[in-house]
Amino acid sequence: MVDVQPLLAQLLGALQSGRGDQVIRLVDRSARQGDGGARFADVYNRTISGSRAVKLGQVQFAGRNGGDHLVVDGVVLLHLQDEGSQNSTKELVVRALFASRGGQPVLTQLSASDSGR
């Protein structure tokens, strides 16, 4: 988990950008050829739809060994503000898969769901 913390920090920064394409740029280029992050971007963009500002609230991550991958599951609380300055809060449930390439961790898959809260 310690090895992937810098990538998780980058992921959180990209989530705060409010742009799904910024988030999936963190997924390893070779993994993007498949569905390394395209569905993630769709879910994320739907979740923040109509928001002009995205701020992060509480974040929880837990990692587990998934064979040749590290699987990190998390919940990110998003504080959103729409065009009319109305505030709302939504939870984004995230799963990130990391592999080691050349001794360095790389993000190989990213998925998400809106918890509906």
C-alpha atoms as a PDB file:
ATOM      1  CA  MET A   1       0.000   0.000   0.000  1.00  0.00           C
ATOM      2  CA  VAL A   2       2.865   2.352   0.777  1.00  0.00           C
ATOM      3  CA  ASP A   3       4.228   1.972  -2.766  1.00  0.00           C
ATOM      4  CA  VAL A   4       0.957   3.076  -4.385  1.00  0.00           C
ATOM      5  CA  GLN A   5       0.236   6.041  -2.087  1.00  0.00           C
ATOM      6  CA  PRO A   6       1.747   8.594  -4.502  1.00  0.00           C
ATOM      7  CA  LEU A   7      -0.492   7.241  -7.287  1.00  0.00           C
ATOM      8  CA  LEU A   8      -3.521   7.363  -4.993  1.00  0.00           C
ATOM      9  CA  ALA A   9      -2.683  10.996  -4.164  1.00  0.00           C
ATOM     10  CA  GLN A  10      -2.530  11.769  -7.898  1.00  0.00           C
ATOM     11  CA  LEU A  11      -5.862  10.007  -8.337  1.00  0.00           C
ATOM     12  CA  LEU A  12      -7.449  12.183  -5.663  1.00  0.00           C
ATOM     13  CA  GLY A  13      -6.046  15.327  -7.286  1.00  0.00           C
ATOM     14  CA  ALA A  14      -7.452  14.251 -10.649  1.00  0.00           C
ATOM     15  CA  LEU A  15     -10.868  13.584  -9.060  1.00  0.00           C
ATOM     16  CA  GLN A  16     -10.867  17.132  -7.756  1.00  0.00           C
ATOM     17  CA  SER A  17     -10.253  18.440 -11.284  1.00  0.00           C
ATOM     18  CA  GLY A  18     -13.838  17.537 -12.192  1.00  0.00           C
ATOM     19  CA  ARG A  19     -12.716  15.948 -15.468  1.00  0.00           C
ATOM     20  CA  GLY A  20     -12.954  12.215 -16.080  1.00  0.00           C
ATOM     21  CA  ASP A  21     -10.337  12.384 -18.840  1.00  0.00           C
ATOM     22  CA  GLN A  22      -7.807  13.741 -16.325  1.00  0.00           C
ATOM     23  CA  VAL A  23      -8.474  10.765 -14.076  1.00  0.00           C
ATOM     24  CA  ILE A  24      -8.037   8.071 -16.716  1.00  0.00           C
ATOM     25  CA  ARG A  25      -4.721   9.573 -17.820  1.00  0.00           C
ATOM     26  CA  LEU A  26      -3.324   7.990 -14.662  1.00  0.00           C
ATOM     27  CA  VAL A  27      -4.120   4.511 -15.968  1.00  0.00           C
ATOM     28  CA  ASP A  28      -1.150   2.829 -17.625  1.00  0.00           C
ATOM     29  CA  ARG A  29      -1.173   3.526 -21.359  1.00  0.00           C
ATOM     30  CA  SER A  30      -1.181  -0.149 -22.346  1.00  0.00           C
ATOM     31  CA  ALA A  31      -4.165  -0.787 -20.039  1.00  0.00           C
ATOM     32  CA  ARG A  32      -6.122   2.101 -21.601  1.00  0.00           C
ATOM     33  CA  GLN A  33      -6.347   0.138 -24.852  1.00  0.00           C
ATOM     34  CA  GLY A  34      -9.019  -2.005 -23.197  1.00  0.00           C
ATOM     35  CA  ASP A  35     -11.335  -0.691 -20.528  1.00  0.00           C
ATOM     36  CA  GLY A  36      -8.648   0.397 -18.094  1.00  0.00           C
ATOM     37  CA  GLY A  37     -10.605   3.499 -17.222  1.00  0.00           C
ATOM     38  CA  ALA A  38     -13.212   4.386 -19.864  1.00  0.00           C
ATOM     39  CA  ARG A  39     -16.154   3.163 -17.803  1.00  0.00           C
ATOM     40  CA  PHE A  40     -14.704   4.914 -14.772  1.00  0.00           C
ATOM     41  CA  ALA A  41     -14.767   8.222 -16.649  1.00  0.00           C
ATOM     42  CA  ASP A  42     -18.397   7.645 -17.654  1.00  0.00           C
ATOM     43  CA  VAL A  43     -19.486   6.924 -14.059  1.00  0.00           C
ATOM     44  CA  TYR A  44     -17.442   9.820 -12.686  1.00  0.00           C
ATOM     45  CA  ASN A  45     -18.763  12.301 -15.257  1.00  0.00           C
ATOM     46  CA  ARG A  46     -22.363  11.207 -14.553  1.00  0.00           C
ATOM     47  CA  THR A  47     -21.790  11.521 -10.816  1.00  0.00           C
ATOM     48  CA  ILE A  48     -20.532  15.094 -11.041  1.00  0.00           C
ATOM     49  CA  SER A  49     -22.762  16.116 -13.956  1.00  0.00           C
ATOM     50  CA  GLY A  50     -23.654  19.790 -13.843  1.00  0.00           C
ATOM     51  CA  SER A  51     -21.109  20.603 -11.136  1.00  0.00           C
ATOM     52  CA  ARG A  52     -18.765  23.497 -11.553  1.00  0.00           C
ATOM     53  CA  ALA A  53     -16.730  22.729  -8.430  1.00  0.00           C
ATOM     54  CA  VAL A  54     -15.604  19.423  -6.949  1.00  0.00           C
ATOM     55  CA  LYS A  55     -14.009  19.196  -3.526  1.00  0.00           C
ATOM     56  CA  LEU A  56     -13.038  16.051  -1.705  1.00  0.00           C
ATOM     57  CA  GLY A  57     -14.316  15.136   1.705  1.00  0.00           C
ATOM     58  CA  GLN A  58     -13.528  11.984   3.632  1.00  0.00           C
ATOM     59  CA  VAL A  59     -11.526   9.353   1.750  1.00  0.00           C
ATOM     60  CA  GLN A  60     -11.104   5.728   2.785  1.00  0.00           C
ATOM     61  CA  PHE A  61      -8.858   3.211   1.041  1.00  0.00           C
ATOM     62  CA  ALA A  62      -8.130  -0.423   1.883  1.00  0.00           C
ATOM     63  CA  GLY A  63      -5.734  -2.642  -0.040  1.00  0.00           C
ATOM     64  CA  ARG A  64      -5.523  -6.395  -0.450  1.00  0.00           C
ATOM     65  CA  ASN A  65      -3.359  -8.745  -2.454  1.00  0.00           C
ATOM     66  CA  GLY A  66      -5.152  -9.954  -5.574  1.00  0.00           C
ATOM     67  CA  GLY A  67      -2.562 -12.414  -6.839  1.00  0.00           C
ATOM     68  CA  ASP A  68      -0.304 -10.513  -9.200  1.00  0.00           C
ATOM     69  CA  HIS A  69      -2.170  -7.245  -8.496  1.00  0.00           C
ATOM     70  CA  LEU A  70      -2.758  -5.035  -5.500  1.00  0.00           C
ATOM     71  CA  VAL A  71      -6.474  -4.276  -5.280  1.00  0.00           C
ATOM     72  CA  VAL A  72      -7.377  -1.007  -3.575  1.00  0.00           C
ATOM     73  CA  ASP A  73     -11.014  -0.407  -2.723  1.00  0.00           C
ATOM     74  CA  GLY A  74     -12.133   2.982  -1.553  1.00  0.00           C
ATOM     75  CA  VAL A  75     -14.909   5.423  -0.906  1.00  0.00           C
ATOM     76  CA  VAL A  76     -14.470   9.085  -1.773  1.00  0.00           C
ATOM     77  CA  LEU A  77     -16.912  11.719  -0.565  1.00  0.00           C
ATOM     78  CA  LEU A  78     -17.403  14.389  -3.235  1.00  0.00           C
ATOM     79  CA  HIS A  79     -18.676  17.844  -2.296  1.00  0.00           C
ATOM     80  CA  LEU A  80     -20.217  19.307  -5.435  1.00  0.00           C
ATOM     81  CA  GLN A  81     -21.424  22.780  -6.298  1.00  0.00           C
ATOM     82  CA  ASP A  82     -23.632  23.254  -9.348  1.00  0.00           C
ATOM     83  CA  GLU A  83     -24.004  26.271 -11.641  1.00  0.00           C
ATOM     84  CA  GLY A  84     -26.629  27.746  -9.296  1.00  0.00           C
ATOM     85  CA  SER A  85     -24.232  27.477  -6.329  1.00  0.00           C
ATOM     86  CA  GLN A  86     -26.298  24.652  -4.810  1.00  0.00           C
ATOM     87  CA  ASN A  87     -24.207  22.224  -2.783  1.00  0.00           C
ATOM     88  CA  SER A  88     -24.582  18.463  -2.730  1.00  0.00           C
ATOM     89  CA  THR A  89     -22.565  15.509  -1.511  1.00  0.00           C
ATOM     90  CA  LYS A  90     -22.114  12.188  -3.299  1.00  0.00           C
ATOM     91  CA  GLU A  91     -20.118   9.070  -2.563  1.00  0.00           C
ATOM     92  CA  LEU A  92     -17.969   7.512  -5.243  1.00  0.00           C
ATOM     93  CA  VAL A  93     -16.995   3.886  -4.677  1.00  0.00           C
ATOM     94  CA  VAL A  94     -13.647   3.204  -6.348  1.00  0.00           C
ATOM     95  CA  ARG A  95     -11.612   0.099  -7.166  1.00  0.00           C
ATOM     96  CA  ALA A  96      -8.054   0.442  -8.450  1.00  0.00           C
ATOM     97  CA  LEU A  97      -5.781  -2.388  -9.572  1.00  0.00           C
ATOM     98  CA  PHE A  98      -2.036  -1.906  -9.450  1.00  0.00           C
ATOM     99  CA  ALA A  99       0.710  -4.054 -10.949  1.00  0.00           C
ATOM    100  CA  SER A 100       4.466  -3.831 -10.735  1.00  0.00           C
ATOM    101  CA  ARG A 101       6.294  -2.938 -13.941  1.00  0.00           C
ATOM    102  CA  GLY A 102      10.017  -2.414 -13.887  1.00  0.00           C
ATOM    103  CA  GLY A 103       9.913  -2.381 -10.106  1.00  0.00           C
ATOM    104  CA  GLN A 104       7.416   0.497 -10.055  1.00  0.00           C
ATOM    105  CA  PRO A 105       3.686   0.347  -9.322  1.00  0.00           C
ATOM    106  CA  VAL A 106       1.377   1.233 -12.202  1.00  0.00           C
ATOM    107  CA  LEU A 107      -2.376   1.696 -12.221  1.00  0.00           C
ATOM    108  CA  THR A 108      -3.762  -0.911 -14.616  1.00  0.00           C
ATOM    109  CA  GLN A 109      -7.500  -0.690 -14.032  1.00  0.00           C
ATOM    110  CA  LEU A 110      -9.889   1.775 -12.453  1.00  0.00           C
ATOM    111  CA  SER A 111     -13.598   1.306 -11.860  1.00  0.00           C
ATOM    112  CA  ALA A 112     -16.239   3.203  -9.931  1.00  0.00           C
ATOM    113  CA  SER A 113     -19.855   3.310  -8.950  1.00  0.00           C
ATOM    114  CA  ASP A 114     -21.991   6.048  -7.495  1.00  0.00           C
ATOM    115  CA  SER A 115     -23.277   4.742  -4.188  1.00  0.00           C
ATOM    116  CA  GLY A 116     -26.468   6.774  -4.650  1.00  0.00           C
ATOM    117  CA  ARG A 117     -25.924   8.699  -1.434  1.00  0.00           C
END
